[in-house]
Amino acid sequence: MIMMFWYTQVEGEGFGFIPLQALATGMPVISTGVWCSYENYLGSNVVESTIGPTQHTGYTQGEVVLPNVDSLVYLMRKVVDNFDTEIKYYFGQAPAVYANYNWKTRCDEFLKSVVKRLGTDFFR
């Protein structure tokens, strides 16, 4: 049985590739949904969390996501107890995750925005 629990107390990274890669393979992921644009792929496995000051002021500034540990434990038990259902859900999500988060799609969107801002297509 392979599972991933992505417990994030975000300390400066607003977009993690590890949970995104796991989602693209169909692996169940438990994560906070506050600072990620892939939160709509997490289903009900979004850890309750709040935003608050970092406890690591020596190297990180500002506010961070503070996950609720009870919520995390509940979701971990839910995934383990319903593993077949969870795997089916996440495996079904994988094609959409891959379609939305691949280098070609992301680069095409970026280049279109550059062309729009410049008013001409220097890339042709």
PDB file of N, CA and C in Angstrom:
ATOM      1  N   MET A   1       0.846  -1.167   0.000  1.00  0.00           N
ATOM      2  CA  MET A   1       0.000   0.000   0.000  1.00  0.00           C
ATOM      3  C   MET A   1       0.894   1.233   0.000  1.00  0.00           C
ATOM      4  N   ILE A   2       0.706   2.115  -0.970  1.00  0.00           N
ATOM      5  CA  ILE A   2       1.479   3.348  -1.070  1.00  0.00           C
ATOM      6  C   ILE A   2       0.535   4.512  -0.846  1.00  0.00           C
ATOM      7  N   MET A   3       0.926   5.392   0.047  1.00  0.00           N
ATOM      8  CA  MET A   3       0.126   6.574   0.337  1.00  0.00           C
ATOM      9  C   MET A   3       1.046   7.737   0.608  1.00  0.00           C
ATOM     10  N   MET A   4       0.526   8.906   0.449  1.00  0.00           N
ATOM     11  CA  MET A   4       1.295  10.093   0.778  1.00  0.00           C
ATOM     12  C   MET A   4       0.464  10.996   1.657  1.00  0.00           C
ATOM     13  N   PHE A   5       1.050  11.397   2.750  1.00  0.00           N
ATOM     14  CA  PHE A   5       0.437  12.399   3.599  1.00  0.00           C
ATOM     15  C   PHE A   5       1.305  13.629   3.495  1.00  0.00           C
ATOM     16  N   TRP A   6       0.772  14.661   2.909  1.00  0.00           N
ATOM     17  CA  TRP A   6       1.535  15.894   2.716  1.00  0.00           C
ATOM     18  C   TRP A   6       1.122  16.851   3.813  1.00  0.00           C
ATOM     19  N   TYR A   7       1.883  16.808   4.887  1.00  0.00           N
ATOM     20  CA  TYR A   7       1.602  17.655   6.043  1.00  0.00           C
ATOM     21  C   TYR A   7       2.426  18.915   5.878  1.00  0.00           C
ATOM     22  N   THR A   8       1.754  20.019   5.638  1.00  0.00           N
ATOM     23  CA  THR A   8       2.489  21.238   5.350  1.00  0.00           C
ATOM     24  C   THR A   8       2.268  22.296   6.398  1.00  0.00           C
ATOM     25  N   GLN A   9       3.318  22.658   7.031  1.00  0.00           N
ATOM     26  CA  GLN A   9       3.322  23.930   7.736  1.00  0.00           C
ATOM     27  C   GLN A   9       4.222  24.762   6.847  1.00  0.00           C
ATOM     28  N   VAL A  10       3.614  25.411   5.895  1.00  0.00           N
ATOM     29  CA  VAL A  10       4.367  26.069   4.838  1.00  0.00           C
ATOM     30  C   VAL A  10       5.309  27.106   5.432  1.00  0.00           C
ATOM     31  N   GLU A  11       6.555  26.985   5.091  1.00  0.00           N
ATOM     32  CA  GLU A  11       7.577  27.909   5.574  1.00  0.00           C
ATOM     33  C   GLU A  11       8.254  28.573   4.383  1.00  0.00           C
ATOM     34  N   GLY A  12       7.495  29.233   3.563  1.00  0.00           N
ATOM     35  CA  GLY A  12       8.079  29.994   2.474  1.00  0.00           C
ATOM     36  C   GLY A  12       7.831  29.437   1.090  1.00  0.00           C
ATOM     37  N   GLU A  13       7.308  28.218   0.961  1.00  0.00           N
ATOM     38  CA  GLU A  13       7.023  27.671  -0.359  1.00  0.00           C
ATOM     39  C   GLU A  13       5.518  27.626  -0.545  1.00  0.00           C
ATOM     40  N   GLY A  14       5.026  28.378  -1.494  1.00  0.00           N
ATOM     41  CA  GLY A  14       3.595  28.457  -1.717  1.00  0.00           C
ATOM     42  C   GLY A  14       3.063  27.449  -2.700  1.00  0.00           C
ATOM     43  N   PHE A  15       3.930  26.700  -3.339  1.00  0.00           N
ATOM     44  CA  PHE A  15       3.479  25.720  -4.325  1.00  0.00           C
ATOM     45  C   PHE A  15       4.426  24.529  -4.268  1.00  0.00           C
ATOM     46  N   GLY A  16       3.962  23.416  -3.735  1.00  0.00           N
ATOM     47  CA  GLY A  16       4.818  22.246  -3.607  1.00  0.00           C
ATOM     48  C   GLY A  16       4.661  21.293  -4.774  1.00  0.00           C
ATOM     49  N   PHE A  17       5.779  20.871  -5.337  1.00  0.00           N
ATOM     50  CA  PHE A  17       5.719  19.912  -6.451  1.00  0.00           C
ATOM     51  C   PHE A  17       5.453  18.491  -5.976  1.00  0.00           C
ATOM     52  N   ILE A  18       5.847  18.141  -4.763  1.00  0.00           N
ATOM     53  CA  ILE A  18       5.678  16.767  -4.304  1.00  0.00           C
ATOM     54  C   ILE A  18       4.206  16.366  -4.246  1.00  0.00           C
ATOM     55  N   PRO A  19       3.323  17.148  -3.611  1.00  0.00           N
ATOM     56  CA  PRO A  19       1.921  16.726  -3.629  1.00  0.00           C
ATOM     57  C   PRO A  19       1.312  16.779  -5.029  1.00  0.00           C
ATOM     58  N   LEU A  20       1.746  17.715  -5.850  1.00  0.00           N
ATOM     59  CA  LEU A  20       1.240  17.788  -7.217  1.00  0.00           C
ATOM     60  C   LEU A  20       1.642  16.541  -8.003  1.00  0.00           C
ATOM     61  N   GLN A  21       2.890  16.119  -7.859  1.00  0.00           N
ATOM     62  CA  GLN A  21       3.336  14.904  -8.543  1.00  0.00           C
ATOM     63  C   GLN A  21       2.575  13.683  -8.042  1.00  0.00           C
ATOM     64  N   ALA A  22       2.324  13.629  -6.741  1.00  0.00           N
ATOM     65  CA  ALA A  22       1.558  12.513  -6.189  1.00  0.00           C
ATOM     66  C   ALA A  22       0.139  12.507  -6.748  1.00  0.00           C
ATOM     67  N   LEU A  23      -0.492  13.681  -6.814  1.00  0.00           N
ATOM     68  CA  LEU A  23      -1.839  13.775  -7.375  1.00  0.00           C
ATOM     69  C   LEU A  23      -1.868  13.317  -8.828  1.00  0.00           C
ATOM     70  N   ALA A  24      -0.839  13.641  -9.589  1.00  0.00           N
ATOM     71  CA  ALA A  24      -0.787  13.267 -11.004  1.00  0.00           C
ATOM     72  C   ALA A  24      -0.647  11.762 -11.201  1.00  0.00           C
ATOM     73  N   THR A  25      -0.180  11.045 -10.184  1.00  0.00           N
ATOM     74  CA  THR A  25      -0.073   9.592 -10.292  1.00  0.00           C
ATOM     75  C   THR A  25      -1.322   8.887  -9.776  1.00  0.00           C
ATOM     76  N   GLY A  26      -2.241   9.656  -9.168  1.00  0.00           N
ATOM     77  CA  GLY A  26      -3.430   9.052  -8.605  1.00  0.00           C
ATOM     78  C   GLY A  26      -3.287   8.660  -7.146  1.00  0.00           C
ATOM     79  N   MET A  27      -2.247   9.127  -6.498  1.00  0.00           N
ATOM     80  CA  MET A  27      -2.010   8.802  -5.096  1.00  0.00           C
ATOM     81  C   MET A  27      -2.859   9.695  -4.191  1.00  0.00           C
ATOM     82  N   PRO A  28      -3.515   9.132  -3.171  1.00  0.00           N
ATOM     83  CA  PRO A  28      -4.245   9.977  -2.229  1.00  0.00           C
ATOM     84  C   PRO A  28      -3.294  10.956  -1.534  1.00  0.00           C
ATOM     85  N   VAL A  29      -3.703  12.200  -1.463  1.00  0.00           N
ATOM     86  CA  VAL A  29      -2.894  13.249  -0.853  1.00  0.00           C
ATOM     87  C   VAL A  29      -3.740  13.977   0.184  1.00  0.00           C
ATOM     88  N   ILE A  30      -3.143  14.199   1.324  1.00  0.00           N
ATOM     89  CA  ILE A  30      -3.751  15.016   2.372  1.00  0.00           C
ATOM     90  C   ILE A  30      -2.895  16.261   2.477  1.00  0.00           C
ATOM     91  N   SER A  31      -3.506  17.419   2.346  1.00  0.00           N
ATOM     92  CA  SER A  31      -2.732  18.657   2.343  1.00  0.00           C
ATOM     93  C   SER A  31      -3.590  19.813   2.827  1.00  0.00           C
ATOM     94  N   THR A  32      -2.915  20.865   3.250  1.00  0.00           N
ATOM     95  CA  THR A  32      -3.632  22.106   3.455  1.00  0.00           C
ATOM     96  C   THR A  32      -4.006  22.612   2.066  1.00  0.00           C
ATOM     97  N   GLY A  33      -5.042  23.385   1.967  1.00  0.00           N
ATOM     98  CA  GLY A  33      -5.481  23.875   0.667  1.00  0.00           C
ATOM     99  C   GLY A  33      -5.362  25.380   0.546  1.00  0.00           C
ATOM    100  N   VAL A  34      -4.653  25.995   1.463  1.00  0.00           N
ATOM    101  CA  VAL A  34      -4.636  27.450   1.527  1.00  0.00           C
ATOM    102  C   VAL A  34      -3.767  28.079   0.449  1.00  0.00           C
ATOM    103  N   TRP A  35      -2.574  27.587   0.235  1.00  0.00           N
ATOM    104  CA  TRP A  35      -1.640  28.249  -0.668  1.00  0.00           C
ATOM    105  C   TRP A  35      -1.355  27.465  -1.936  1.00  0.00           C
ATOM    106  N   CYS A  36      -2.188  26.524  -2.268  1.00  0.00           N
ATOM    107  CA  CYS A  36      -1.921  25.746  -3.478  1.00  0.00           C
ATOM    108  C   CYS A  36      -3.066  25.920  -4.464  1.00  0.00           C
ATOM    109  N   SER A  37      -2.726  25.975  -5.725  1.00  0.00           N
ATOM    110  CA  SER A  37      -3.767  26.145  -6.737  1.00  0.00           C
ATOM    111  C   SER A  37      -4.372  24.813  -7.155  1.00  0.00           C
ATOM    112  N   TYR A  38      -3.890  23.728  -6.595  1.00  0.00           N
ATOM    113  CA  TYR A  38      -4.441  22.417  -6.931  1.00  0.00           C
ATOM    114  C   TYR A  38      -5.382  21.897  -5.857  1.00  0.00           C
ATOM    115  N   GLU A  39      -5.859  22.769  -4.989  1.00  0.00           N
ATOM    116  CA  GLU A  39      -6.726  22.355  -3.885  1.00  0.00           C
ATOM    117  C   GLU A  39      -8.012  21.691  -4.356  1.00  0.00           C
ATOM    118  N   ASN A  40      -8.489  22.042  -5.563  1.00  0.00           N
ATOM    119  CA  ASN A  40      -9.727  21.432  -6.054  1.00  0.00           C
ATOM    120  C   ASN A  40      -9.547  19.957  -6.402  1.00  0.00           C
ATOM    121  N   TYR A  41      -8.319  19.450  -6.442  1.00  0.00           N
ATOM    122  CA  TYR A  41      -8.073  18.035  -6.708  1.00  0.00           C
ATOM    123  C   TYR A  41      -7.945  17.217  -5.429  1.00  0.00           C
ATOM    124  N   LEU A  42      -7.971  17.862  -4.271  1.00  0.00           N
ATOM    125  CA  LEU A  42      -7.784  17.154  -3.007  1.00  0.00           C
ATOM    126  C   LEU A  42      -9.058  16.494  -2.495  1.00  0.00           C
ATOM    127  N   GLY A  43     -10.190  16.810  -3.093  1.00  0.00           N
ATOM    128  CA  GLY A  43     -11.439  16.249  -2.611  1.00  0.00           C
ATOM    129  C   GLY A  43     -11.701  16.687  -1.183  1.00  0.00           C
ATOM    130  N   SER A  44     -12.047  15.736  -0.338  1.00  0.00           N
ATOM    131  CA  SER A  44     -12.332  16.065   1.061  1.00  0.00           C
ATOM    132  C   SER A  44     -11.090  15.972   1.941  1.00  0.00           C
ATOM    133  N   ASN A  45      -9.933  15.777   1.350  1.00  0.00           N
ATOM    134  CA  ASN A  45      -8.700  15.601   2.129  1.00  0.00           C
ATOM    135  C   ASN A  45      -7.929  16.896   2.327  1.00  0.00           C
ATOM    136  N   VAL A  46      -8.651  17.962   2.613  1.00  0.00           N
ATOM    137  CA  VAL A  46      -8.023  19.248   2.901  1.00  0.00           C
ATOM    138  C   VAL A  46      -7.974  19.422   4.416  1.00  0.00           C
ATOM    139  N   VAL A  47      -6.784  19.561   4.942  1.00  0.00           N
ATOM    140  CA  VAL A  47      -6.593  19.718   6.378  1.00  0.00           C
ATOM    141  C   VAL A  47      -7.098  21.090   6.808  1.00  0.00           C
ATOM    142  N   GLU A  48      -7.916  21.113   7.867  1.00  0.00           N
ATOM    143  CA  GLU A  48      -8.334  22.392   8.430  1.00  0.00           C
ATOM    144  C   GLU A  48      -7.087  23.145   8.871  1.00  0.00           C
ATOM    145  N   SER A  49      -7.049  24.437   8.598  1.00  0.00           N
ATOM    146  CA  SER A  49      -5.846  25.192   8.941  1.00  0.00           C
ATOM    147  C   SER A  49      -6.186  26.665   9.104  1.00  0.00           C
ATOM    148  N   THR A  50      -5.261  27.363   9.684  1.00  0.00           N
ATOM    149  CA  THR A  50      -5.371  28.802   9.842  1.00  0.00           C
ATOM    150  C   THR A  50      -4.078  29.428   9.353  1.00  0.00           C
ATOM    151  N   ILE A  51      -4.103  30.731   9.191  1.00  0.00           N
ATOM    152  CA  ILE A  51      -2.896  31.475   8.844  1.00  0.00           C
ATOM    153  C   ILE A  51      -2.430  32.171  10.119  1.00  0.00           C
ATOM    154  N   GLY A  52      -1.146  32.071  10.386  1.00  0.00           N
ATOM    155  CA  GLY A  52      -0.615  32.707  11.584  1.00  0.00           C
ATOM    156  C   GLY A  52       0.868  32.973  11.452  1.00  0.00           C
ATOM    157  N   PRO A  53       1.447  33.585  12.454  1.00  0.00           N
ATOM    158  CA  PRO A  53       2.871  33.921  12.390  1.00  0.00           C
ATOM    159  C   PRO A  53       3.747  32.681  12.457  1.00  0.00           C
ATOM    160  N   THR A  54       4.844  32.713  11.744  1.00  0.00           N
ATOM    161  CA  THR A  54       5.784  31.612  11.763  1.00  0.00           C
ATOM    162  C   THR A  54       6.454  31.487  13.128  1.00  0.00           C
ATOM    163  N   GLN A  55       6.791  30.277  13.476  1.00  0.00           N
ATOM    164  CA  GLN A  55       7.551  30.033  14.697  1.00  0.00           C
ATOM    165  C   GLN A  55       9.047  30.016  14.409  1.00  0.00           C
ATOM    166  N   HIS A  56       9.406  30.099  13.145  1.00  0.00           N
ATOM    167  CA  HIS A  56      10.807  30.012  12.722  1.00  0.00           C
ATOM    168  C   HIS A  56      11.257  31.367  12.188  1.00  0.00           C
ATOM    169  N   THR A  57      11.323  32.345  13.046  1.00  0.00           N
ATOM    170  CA  THR A  57      11.608  33.713  12.613  1.00  0.00           C
ATOM    171  C   THR A  57      13.053  33.922  12.187  1.00  0.00           C
ATOM    172  N   GLY A  58      13.914  32.985  12.468  1.00  0.00           N
ATOM    173  CA  GLY A  58      15.318  33.150  12.096  1.00  0.00           C
ATOM    174  C   GLY A  58      15.560  33.106  10.600  1.00  0.00           C
ATOM    175  N   TYR A  59      14.737  32.354   9.861  1.00  0.00           N
ATOM    176  CA  TYR A  59      14.964  32.230   8.422  1.00  0.00           C
ATOM    177  C   TYR A  59      13.717  32.432   7.574  1.00  0.00           C
ATOM    178  N   THR A  60      12.565  32.595   8.177  1.00  0.00           N
ATOM    179  CA  THR A  60      11.327  32.801   7.437  1.00  0.00           C
ATOM    180  C   THR A  60      10.598  33.995   8.028  1.00  0.00           C
ATOM    181  N   GLN A  61      10.047  34.803   7.174  1.00  0.00           N
ATOM    182  CA  GLN A  61       9.308  35.978   7.621  1.00  0.00           C
ATOM    183  C   GLN A  61       7.841  35.824   7.258  1.00  0.00           C
ATOM    184  N   GLY A  62       6.992  36.535   7.969  1.00  0.00           N
ATOM    185  CA  GLY A  62       5.589  36.590   7.588  1.00  0.00           C
ATOM    186  C   GLY A  62       4.747  35.489   8.175  1.00  0.00           C
ATOM    187  N   GLU A  63       3.602  35.268   7.531  1.00  0.00           N
ATOM    188  CA  GLU A  63       2.633  34.305   8.012  1.00  0.00           C
ATOM    189  C   GLU A  63       2.759  32.983   7.281  1.00  0.00           C
ATOM    190  N   VAL A  64       2.304  31.927   7.943  1.00  0.00           N
ATOM    191  CA  VAL A  64       2.386  30.577   7.395  1.00  0.00           C
ATOM    192  C   VAL A  64       1.055  29.868   7.617  1.00  0.00           C
ATOM    193  N   VAL A  65       0.893  28.723   6.974  1.00  0.00           N
ATOM    194  CA  VAL A  65      -0.267  27.879   7.195  1.00  0.00           C
ATOM    195  C   VAL A  65      -0.001  27.038   8.443  1.00  0.00           C
ATOM    196  N   LEU A  66      -0.948  27.052   9.365  1.00  0.00           N
ATOM    197  CA  LEU A  66      -0.838  26.278  10.598  1.00  0.00           C
ATOM    198  C   LEU A  66      -1.915  25.196  10.582  1.00  0.00           C
ATOM    199  N   PRO A  67      -1.561  23.969  10.192  1.00  0.00           N
ATOM    200  CA  PRO A  67      -2.545  22.895  10.097  1.00  0.00           C
ATOM    201  C   PRO A  67      -3.062  22.486  11.473  1.00  0.00           C
ATOM    202  N   ASN A  68      -4.321  22.068  11.508  1.00  0.00           N
ATOM    203  CA  ASN A  68      -4.933  21.536  12.711  1.00  0.00           C
ATOM    204  C   ASN A  68      -4.566  20.057  12.801  1.00  0.00           C
ATOM    205  N   VAL A  69      -3.855  19.679  13.851  1.00  0.00           N
ATOM    206  CA  VAL A  69      -3.364  18.308  13.983  1.00  0.00           C
ATOM    207  C   VAL A  69      -4.511  17.305  14.103  1.00  0.00           C
ATOM    208  N   ASP A  70      -5.580  17.660  14.812  1.00  0.00           N
ATOM    209  CA  ASP A  70      -6.730  16.749  14.922  1.00  0.00           C
ATOM    210  C   ASP A  70      -7.352  16.491  13.555  1.00  0.00           C
ATOM    211  N   SER A  71      -7.429  17.515  12.724  1.00  0.00           N
ATOM    212  CA  SER A  71      -7.950  17.362  11.371  1.00  0.00           C
ATOM    213  C   SER A  71      -7.051  16.432  10.554  1.00  0.00           C
ATOM    214  N   LEU A  72      -5.760  16.600  10.685  1.00  0.00           N
ATOM    215  CA  LEU A  72      -4.805  15.746   9.972  1.00  0.00           C
ATOM    216  C   LEU A  72      -4.969  14.284  10.386  1.00  0.00           C
ATOM    217  N   VAL A  73      -5.040  14.020  11.678  1.00  0.00           N
ATOM    218  CA  VAL A  73      -5.191  12.645  12.168  1.00  0.00           C
ATOM    219  C   VAL A  73      -6.503  12.040  11.663  1.00  0.00           C
ATOM    220  N   TYR A  74      -7.581  12.812  11.717  1.00  0.00           N
ATOM    221  CA  TYR A  74      -8.869  12.335  11.216  1.00  0.00           C
ATOM    222  C   TYR A  74      -8.770  11.936   9.741  1.00  0.00           C
ATOM    223  N   LEU A  75      -8.149  12.798   8.922  1.00  0.00           N
ATOM    224  CA  LEU A  75      -8.043  12.519   7.488  1.00  0.00           C
ATOM    225  C   LEU A  75      -7.140  11.317   7.213  1.00  0.00           C
ATOM    226  N   MET A  76      -6.094  11.160   7.985  1.00  0.00           N
ATOM    227  CA  MET A  76      -5.221   9.997   7.807  1.00  0.00           C
ATOM    228  C   MET A  76      -5.994   8.714   8.083  1.00  0.00           C
ATOM    229  N   ARG A  77      -6.780   8.712   9.147  1.00  0.00           N
ATOM    230  CA  ARG A  77      -7.589   7.523   9.466  1.00  0.00           C
ATOM    231  C   ARG A  77      -8.623   7.273   8.378  1.00  0.00           C
ATOM    232  N   LYS A  78      -9.242   8.345   7.874  1.00  0.00           N
ATOM    233  CA  LYS A  78     -10.257   8.209   6.824  1.00  0.00           C
ATOM    234  C   LYS A  78      -9.669   7.570   5.575  1.00  0.00           C
ATOM    235  N   VAL A  79      -8.484   8.001   5.175  1.00  0.00           N
ATOM    236  CA  VAL A  79      -7.851   7.439   3.980  1.00  0.00           C
ATOM    237  C   VAL A  79      -7.517   5.966   4.180  1.00  0.00           C
ATOM    238  N   VAL A  80      -6.961   5.635   5.327  1.00  0.00           N
ATOM    239  CA  VAL A  80      -6.599   4.241   5.599  1.00  0.00           C
ATOM    240  C   VAL A  80      -7.852   3.361   5.651  1.00  0.00           C
ATOM    241  N   ASP A  81      -8.892   3.831   6.332  1.00  0.00           N
ATOM    242  CA  ASP A  81     -10.112   3.036   6.484  1.00  0.00           C
ATOM    243  C   ASP A  81     -10.904   2.894   5.186  1.00  0.00           C
ATOM    244  N   ASN A  82     -10.730   3.808   4.250  1.00  0.00           N
ATOM    245  CA  ASN A  82     -11.475   3.797   2.983  1.00  0.00           C
ATOM    246  C   ASN A  82     -10.527   3.790   1.792  1.00  0.00           C
ATOM    247  N   PHE A  83      -9.463   3.037   1.905  1.00  0.00           N
ATOM    248  CA  PHE A  83      -8.390   3.137   0.920  1.00  0.00           C
ATOM    249  C   PHE A  83      -8.855   2.842  -0.503  1.00  0.00           C
ATOM    250  N   ASP A  84      -9.665   1.804  -0.702  1.00  0.00           N
ATOM    251  CA  ASP A  84     -10.114   1.474  -2.064  1.00  0.00           C
ATOM    252  C   ASP A  84     -10.902   2.620  -2.690  1.00  0.00           C
ATOM    253  N   THR A  85     -11.778   3.245  -1.919  1.00  0.00           N
ATOM    254  CA  THR A  85     -12.558   4.380  -2.411  1.00  0.00           C
ATOM    255  C   THR A  85     -11.653   5.573  -2.706  1.00  0.00           C
ATOM    256  N   GLU A  86     -10.729   5.843  -1.794  1.00  0.00           N
ATOM    257  CA  GLU A  86      -9.800   6.965  -1.966  1.00  0.00           C
ATOM    258  C   GLU A  86      -8.942   6.781  -3.212  1.00  0.00           C
ATOM    259  N   ILE A  87      -8.413   5.593  -3.402  1.00  0.00           N
ATOM    260  CA  ILE A  87      -7.556   5.316  -4.569  1.00  0.00           C
ATOM    261  C   ILE A  87      -8.344   5.517  -5.860  1.00  0.00           C
ATOM    262  N   LYS A  88      -9.589   5.056  -5.906  1.00  0.00           N
ATOM    263  CA  LYS A  88     -10.419   5.229  -7.105  1.00  0.00           C
ATOM    264  C   LYS A  88     -10.650   6.705  -7.400  1.00  0.00           C
ATOM    265  N   TYR A  89     -10.942   7.471  -6.353  1.00  0.00           N
ATOM    266  CA  TYR A  89     -11.171   8.904  -6.538  1.00  0.00           C
ATOM    267  C   TYR A  89      -9.923   9.590  -7.083  1.00  0.00           C
ATOM    268  N   TYR A  90      -8.786   9.360  -6.451  1.00  0.00           N
ATOM    269  CA  TYR A  90      -7.566  10.052  -6.861  1.00  0.00           C
ATOM    270  C   TYR A  90      -7.042   9.567  -8.206  1.00  0.00           C
ATOM    271  N   PHE A  91      -7.197   8.287  -8.474  1.00  0.00           N
ATOM    272  CA  PHE A  91      -6.794   7.795  -9.782  1.00  0.00           C
ATOM    273  C   PHE A  91      -7.660   8.417 -10.864  1.00  0.00           C
ATOM    274  N   GLY A  92      -8.941   8.642 -10.572  1.00  0.00           N
ATOM    275  CA  GLY A  92      -9.834   9.306 -11.513  1.00  0.00           C
ATOM    276  C   GLY A  92      -9.483  10.769 -11.742  1.00  0.00           C
ATOM    277  N   GLN A  93      -8.888  11.408 -10.743  1.00  0.00           N
ATOM    278  CA  GLN A  93      -8.477  12.809 -10.844  1.00  0.00           C
ATOM    279  C   GLN A  93      -7.169  12.991 -11.621  1.00  0.00           C
ATOM    280  N   ALA A  94      -6.346  11.961 -11.668  1.00  0.00           N
ATOM    281  CA  ALA A  94      -4.998  12.086 -12.218  1.00  0.00           C
ATOM    282  C   ALA A  94      -4.949  12.649 -13.642  1.00  0.00           C
ATOM    283  N   PRO A  95      -5.789  12.220 -14.581  1.00  0.00           N
ATOM    284  CA  PRO A  95      -5.705  12.790 -15.925  1.00  0.00           C
ATOM    285  C   PRO A  95      -5.925  14.303 -15.959  1.00  0.00           C
ATOM    286  N   ALA A  96      -6.858  14.793 -15.147  1.00  0.00           N
ATOM    287  CA  ALA A  96      -7.110  16.243 -15.110  1.00  0.00           C
ATOM    288  C   ALA A  96      -5.934  16.989 -14.505  1.00  0.00           C
ATOM    289  N   VAL A  97      -5.354  16.430 -13.460  1.00  0.00           N
ATOM    290  CA  VAL A  97      -4.175  17.061 -12.848  1.00  0.00           C
ATOM    291  C   VAL A  97      -3.052  17.145 -13.869  1.00  0.00           C
ATOM    292  N   TYR A  98      -2.803  16.050 -14.544  1.00  0.00           N
ATOM    293  CA  TYR A  98      -1.729  16.019 -15.541  1.00  0.00           C
ATOM    294  C   TYR A  98      -2.015  16.989 -16.695  1.00  0.00           C
ATOM    295  N   ALA A  99      -3.257  17.035 -17.142  1.00  0.00           N
ATOM    296  CA  ALA A  99      -3.612  17.931 -18.252  1.00  0.00           C
ATOM    297  C   ALA A  99      -3.421  19.399 -17.878  1.00  0.00           C
ATOM    298  N   ASN A 100      -3.708  19.751 -16.634  1.00  0.00           N
ATOM    299  CA  ASN A 100      -3.601  21.142 -16.206  1.00  0.00           C
ATOM    300  C   ASN A 100      -2.206  21.549 -15.754  1.00  0.00           C
ATOM    301  N   TYR A 101      -1.411  20.584 -15.338  1.00  0.00           N
ATOM    302  CA  TYR A 101      -0.076  20.892 -14.806  1.00  0.00           C
ATOM    303  C   TYR A 101       0.991  20.100 -15.543  1.00  0.00           C
ATOM    304  N   ASN A 102       1.233  20.483 -16.772  1.00  0.00           N
ATOM    305  CA  ASN A 102       2.360  19.915 -17.506  1.00  0.00           C
ATOM    306  C   ASN A 102       3.111  21.068 -18.150  1.00  0.00           C
ATOM    307  N   TRP A 103       4.340  20.847 -18.517  1.00  0.00           N
ATOM    308  CA  TRP A 103       5.185  21.950 -19.003  1.00  0.00           C
ATOM    309  C   TRP A 103       4.627  22.593 -20.263  1.00  0.00           C
ATOM    310  N   LYS A 104       4.065  21.797 -21.170  1.00  0.00           N
ATOM    311  CA  LYS A 104       3.544  22.380 -22.409  1.00  0.00           C
ATOM    312  C   LYS A 104       2.389  23.330 -22.119  1.00  0.00           C
ATOM    313  N   THR A 105       1.430  22.882 -21.308  1.00  0.00           N
ATOM    314  CA  THR A 105       0.287  23.734 -20.982  1.00  0.00           C
ATOM    315  C   THR A 105       0.742  24.998 -20.273  1.00  0.00           C
ATOM    316  N   ARG A 106       1.597  24.861 -19.278  1.00  0.00           N
ATOM    317  CA  ARG A 106       2.062  26.018 -18.510  1.00  0.00           C
ATOM    318  C   ARG A 106       2.873  26.983 -19.377  1.00  0.00           C
ATOM    319  N   CYS A 107       3.759  26.460 -20.232  1.00  0.00           N
ATOM    320  CA  CYS A 107       4.572  27.333 -21.097  1.00  0.00           C
ATOM    321  C   CYS A 107       3.704  28.040 -22.133  1.00  0.00           C
ATOM    322  N   ASP A 108       2.741  27.311 -22.716  1.00  0.00           N
ATOM    323  CA  ASP A 108       1.842  27.938 -23.682  1.00  0.00           C
ATOM    324  C   ASP A 108       1.075  29.092 -23.050  1.00  0.00           C
ATOM    325  N   GLU A 109       0.570  28.880 -21.836  1.00  0.00           N
ATOM    326  CA  GLU A 109      -0.164  29.942 -21.147  1.00  0.00           C
ATOM    327  C   GLU A 109       0.739  31.142 -20.868  1.00  0.00           C
ATOM    328  N   PHE A 110       1.961  30.872 -20.447  1.00  0.00           N
ATOM    329  CA  PHE A 110       2.896  31.949 -20.158  1.00  0.00           C
ATOM    330  C   PHE A 110       3.224  32.738 -21.423  1.00  0.00           C
ATOM    331  N   LEU A 111       3.546  32.041 -22.514  1.00  0.00           N
ATOM    332  CA  LEU A 111       3.899  32.733 -23.758  1.00  0.00           C
ATOM    333  C   LEU A 111       2.722  33.539 -24.308  1.00  0.00           C
ATOM    334  N   LYS A 112       1.508  33.021 -24.182  1.00  0.00           N
ATOM    335  CA  LYS A 112       0.331  33.779 -24.621  1.00  0.00           C
ATOM    336  C   LYS A 112       0.191  35.074 -23.825  1.00  0.00           C
ATOM    337  N   SER A 113       0.482  35.010 -22.529  1.00  0.00           N
ATOM    338  CA  SER A 113       0.376  36.225 -21.715  1.00  0.00           C
ATOM    339  C   SER A 113       1.467  37.226 -22.086  1.00  0.00           C
ATOM    340  N   VAL A 114       2.652  36.753 -22.444  1.00  0.00           N
ATOM    341  CA  VAL A 114       3.728  37.648 -22.875  1.00  0.00           C
ATOM    342  C   VAL A 114       3.362  38.311 -24.190  1.00  0.00           C
ATOM    343  N   VAL A 115       2.862  37.530 -25.148  1.00  0.00           N
ATOM    344  CA  VAL A 115       2.456  38.068 -26.447  1.00  0.00           C
ATOM    345  C   VAL A 115       1.359  39.112 -26.257  1.00  0.00           C
ATOM    346  N   LYS A 116       0.408  38.822 -25.391  1.00  0.00           N
ATOM    347  CA  LYS A 116      -0.679  39.769 -25.142  1.00  0.00           C
ATOM    348  C   LYS A 116      -0.141  41.082 -24.578  1.00  0.00           C
ATOM    349  N   ARG A 117       0.814  41.008 -23.654  1.00  0.00           N
ATOM    350  CA  ARG A 117       1.366  42.222 -23.057  1.00  0.00           C
ATOM    351  C   ARG A 117       2.222  43.005 -24.045  1.00  0.00           C
ATOM    352  N   LEU A 118       2.957  42.308 -24.912  1.00  0.00           N
ATOM    353  CA  LEU A 118       3.819  42.970 -25.873  1.00  0.00           C
ATOM    354  C   LEU A 118       3.072  43.484 -27.090  1.00  0.00           C
ATOM    355  N   GLY A 119       1.951  42.849 -27.390  1.00  0.00           N
ATOM    356  CA  GLY A 119       1.165  43.260 -28.546  1.00  0.00           C
ATOM    357  C   GLY A 119       1.648  42.669 -29.856  1.00  0.00           C
ATOM    358  N   THR A 120       2.656  41.844 -29.809  1.00  0.00           N
ATOM    359  CA  THR A 120       3.153  41.178 -31.010  1.00  0.00           C
ATOM    360  C   THR A 120       3.765  39.836 -30.620  1.00  0.00           C
ATOM    361  N   ASP A 121       3.814  38.922 -31.580  1.00  0.00           N
ATOM    362  CA  ASP A 121       4.339  37.587 -31.296  1.00  0.00           C
ATOM    363  C   ASP A 121       5.770  37.480 -31.822  1.00  0.00           C
ATOM    364  N   PHE A 122       6.738  37.676 -30.947  1.00  0.00           N
ATOM    365  CA  PHE A 122       8.149  37.558 -31.309  1.00  0.00           C
ATOM    366  C   PHE A 122       8.598  36.108 -31.380  1.00  0.00           C
ATOM    367  N   PHE A 123       7.719  35.182 -31.013  1.00  0.00           N
ATOM    368  CA  PHE A 123       8.106  33.782 -30.914  1.00  0.00           C
ATOM    369  C   PHE A 123       7.813  32.985 -32.175  1.00  0.00           C
ATOM    370  N   ARG A 124       7.269  33.634 -33.189  1.00  0.00           N
ATOM    371  CA  ARG A 124       6.960  32.923 -34.445  1.00  0.00           C
ATOM    372  C   ARG A 124       8.085  33.085 -35.416  1.00  0.00           C
TER     373      ARG A 124
END
